[in-house]
Amino acid sequence: MLKIFKIIATIEGISALLLFFFAMPMKYIYDDPYYVKHVGMAHGVLFTIYIVMATILKFTEKWDFKKYFIICIASIPPFGTFYIERKYLKNA
């Protein structure tokens, strides 16, 4: 389950970067909302899966609340999930 979570964390991080640094500039600079709609939907689904899996792993891996909170909050800023993967999920 941790290996799957690492993969989801990586993909979620990539989708966030695509949303922030490709899709949003395409919308606001070139007035093309197509990419925000599709990349944003994919990112939203991946974000939800990431949080649900983190919650499941909190109980199966017996994470303390601090670790769980940091892992969940790290999904918000760009590059946060990459940090979590290296710091907290390295041994998975």
C-alpha atoms as a PDB file:
ATOM      1  CA  MET A   1       0.000   0.000   0.000  1.00  0.00           C
ATOM      2  CA  LEU A   2       2.888   2.391   0.744  1.00  0.00           C
ATOM      3  CA  LYS A   3       4.370   1.816  -2.713  1.00  0.00           C
ATOM      4  CA  ILE A   4       1.047   2.694  -4.325  1.00  0.00           C
ATOM      5  CA  PHE A   5       0.835   5.788  -2.114  1.00  0.00           C
ATOM      6  CA  LYS A   6       4.325   6.843  -3.238  1.00  0.00           C
ATOM      7  CA  ILE A   7       3.247   6.524  -6.863  1.00  0.00           C
ATOM      8  CA  ILE A   8       0.049   8.507  -6.224  1.00  0.00           C
ATOM      9  CA  ALA A   9       2.062  11.167  -4.361  1.00  0.00           C
ATOM     10  CA  THR A  10       4.434  11.536  -7.299  1.00  0.00           C
ATOM     11  CA  ILE A  11       1.662  11.701  -9.884  1.00  0.00           C
ATOM     12  CA  GLU A  12      -0.319  14.146  -7.726  1.00  0.00           C
ATOM     13  CA  GLY A  13       2.765  16.352  -7.454  1.00  0.00           C
ATOM     14  CA  ILE A  14       3.294  16.278 -11.210  1.00  0.00           C
ATOM     15  CA  SER A  15      -0.365  17.120 -11.818  1.00  0.00           C
ATOM     16  CA  ALA A  16      -0.090  20.098  -9.453  1.00  0.00           C
ATOM     17  CA  LEU A  17       2.972  21.360 -11.308  1.00  0.00           C
ATOM     18  CA  LEU A  18       1.198  20.936 -14.640  1.00  0.00           C
ATOM     19  CA  LEU A  19      -1.801  22.816 -13.301  1.00  0.00           C
ATOM     20  CA  PHE A  20       0.173  25.710 -11.797  1.00  0.00           C
ATOM     21  CA  PHE A  21       2.900  26.108 -14.414  1.00  0.00           C
ATOM     22  CA  PHE A  22       1.191  25.040 -17.649  1.00  0.00           C
ATOM     23  CA  ALA A  23      -2.600  25.010 -17.501  1.00  0.00           C
ATOM     24  CA  MET A  24      -3.090  28.214 -15.509  1.00  0.00           C
ATOM     25  CA  PRO A  25      -0.690  30.263 -17.676  1.00  0.00           C
ATOM     26  CA  MET A  26      -2.475  28.916 -20.746  1.00  0.00           C
ATOM     27  CA  LYS A  27      -5.761  30.143 -19.292  1.00  0.00           C
ATOM     28  CA  TYR A  28      -4.672  33.558 -18.079  1.00  0.00           C
ATOM     29  CA  ILE A  29      -2.041  34.466 -20.677  1.00  0.00           C
ATOM     30  CA  TYR A  30      -3.519  32.850 -23.788  1.00  0.00           C
ATOM     31  CA  ASP A  31      -7.175  32.841 -22.738  1.00  0.00           C
ATOM     32  CA  ASP A  32      -7.478  29.078 -23.265  1.00  0.00           C
ATOM     33  CA  PRO A  33      -9.344  27.414 -20.336  1.00  0.00           C
ATOM     34  CA  TYR A  34      -9.303  23.932 -21.946  1.00  0.00           C
ATOM     35  CA  TYR A  35      -6.217  22.759 -20.063  1.00  0.00           C
ATOM     36  CA  VAL A  36      -7.346  24.044 -16.674  1.00  0.00           C
ATOM     37  CA  LYS A  37     -10.567  22.112 -17.033  1.00  0.00           C
ATOM     38  CA  HIS A  38      -8.906  18.790 -17.815  1.00  0.00           C
ATOM     39  CA  VAL A  39      -5.661  19.043 -15.852  1.00  0.00           C
ATOM     40  CA  GLY A  40      -7.597  20.559 -12.947  1.00  0.00           C
ATOM     41  CA  MET A  41     -10.043  17.658 -12.906  1.00  0.00           C
ATOM     42  CA  ALA A  42      -7.222  15.113 -12.984  1.00  0.00           C
ATOM     43  CA  HIS A  43      -5.408  16.955 -10.205  1.00  0.00           C
ATOM     44  CA  GLY A  44      -8.568  17.111  -8.105  1.00  0.00           C
ATOM     45  CA  VAL A  45      -9.140  13.377  -8.420  1.00  0.00           C
ATOM     46  CA  LEU A  46      -5.491  12.624  -7.604  1.00  0.00           C
ATOM     47  CA  PHE A  47      -5.568  15.009  -4.632  1.00  0.00           C
ATOM     48  CA  THR A  48      -8.655  13.247  -3.266  1.00  0.00           C
ATOM     49  CA  ILE A  49      -7.058   9.827  -3.723  1.00  0.00           C
ATOM     50  CA  TYR A  50      -3.896  11.101  -2.011  1.00  0.00           C
ATOM     51  CA  ILE A  51      -5.808  12.328   1.052  1.00  0.00           C
ATOM     52  CA  VAL A  52      -7.951   9.175   1.276  1.00  0.00           C
ATOM     53  CA  MET A  53      -4.891   6.937   0.998  1.00  0.00           C
ATOM     54  CA  ALA A  54      -3.026   9.016   3.600  1.00  0.00           C
ATOM     55  CA  THR A  55      -5.982   8.583   5.956  1.00  0.00           C
ATOM     56  CA  ILE A  56      -6.057   4.828   5.401  1.00  0.00           C
ATOM     57  CA  LEU A  57      -2.289   4.597   5.897  1.00  0.00           C
ATOM     58  CA  LYS A  58      -2.521   6.635   9.094  1.00  0.00           C
ATOM     59  CA  PHE A  59      -4.359   3.735  10.662  1.00  0.00           C
ATOM     60  CA  THR A  60      -2.680   0.792   8.928  1.00  0.00           C
ATOM     61  CA  GLU A  61       0.859   2.140   9.428  1.00  0.00           C
ATOM     62  CA  LYS A  62       0.007   3.662  12.833  1.00  0.00           C
ATOM     63  CA  TRP A  63       1.263   7.129  11.953  1.00  0.00           C
ATOM     64  CA  ASP A  64       1.005   9.707  14.704  1.00  0.00           C
ATOM     65  CA  PHE A  65      -1.175  12.747  14.063  1.00  0.00           C
ATOM     66  CA  LYS A  66       1.786  15.053  13.415  1.00  0.00           C
ATOM     67  CA  LYS A  67       3.152  12.852  10.619  1.00  0.00           C
ATOM     68  CA  TYR A  68      -0.314  12.419   9.103  1.00  0.00           C
ATOM     69  CA  PHE A  69      -0.974  16.171   9.256  1.00  0.00           C
ATOM     70  CA  ILE A  70       2.364  17.031   7.618  1.00  0.00           C
ATOM     71  CA  ILE A  71       1.788  14.470   4.857  1.00  0.00           C
ATOM     72  CA  CYS A  72      -1.687  15.880   4.153  1.00  0.00           C
ATOM     73  CA  ILE A  73      -0.620  19.541   4.256  1.00  0.00           C
ATOM     74  CA  ALA A  74       2.336  18.830   1.962  1.00  0.00           C
ATOM     75  CA  SER A  75      -0.072  18.046  -0.852  1.00  0.00           C
ATOM     76  CA  ILE A  76      -1.072  21.714  -1.074  1.00  0.00           C
ATOM     77  CA  PRO A  77       2.101  23.600  -2.114  1.00  0.00           C
ATOM     78  CA  PRO A  78       3.984  22.764  -5.307  1.00  0.00           C
ATOM     79  CA  PHE A  79       6.779  20.215  -4.743  1.00  0.00           C
ATOM     80  CA  GLY A  80       5.310  19.260  -1.333  1.00  0.00           C
ATOM     81  CA  THR A  81       4.567  15.654  -2.232  1.00  0.00           C
ATOM     82  CA  PHE A  82       8.110  15.215  -3.553  1.00  0.00           C
ATOM     83  CA  TYR A  83       9.452  16.380  -0.177  1.00  0.00           C
ATOM     84  CA  ILE A  84       7.164  13.947   1.650  1.00  0.00           C
ATOM     85  CA  GLU A  85       8.247  11.072  -0.533  1.00  0.00           C
ATOM     86  CA  ARG A  86      11.916  11.691   0.213  1.00  0.00           C
ATOM     87  CA  LYS A  87      11.561  12.512   3.919  1.00  0.00           C
ATOM     88  CA  TYR A  88       8.764  10.235   5.169  1.00  0.00           C
ATOM     89  CA  LEU A  89       8.316   7.504   2.559  1.00  0.00           C
ATOM     90  CA  LYS A  90      11.922   6.798   1.602  1.00  0.00           C
ATOM     91  CA  ASN A  91      11.987   3.270   3.048  1.00  0.00           C
ATOM     92  CA  ALA A  92       8.759   2.067   1.445  1.00  0.00           C
END
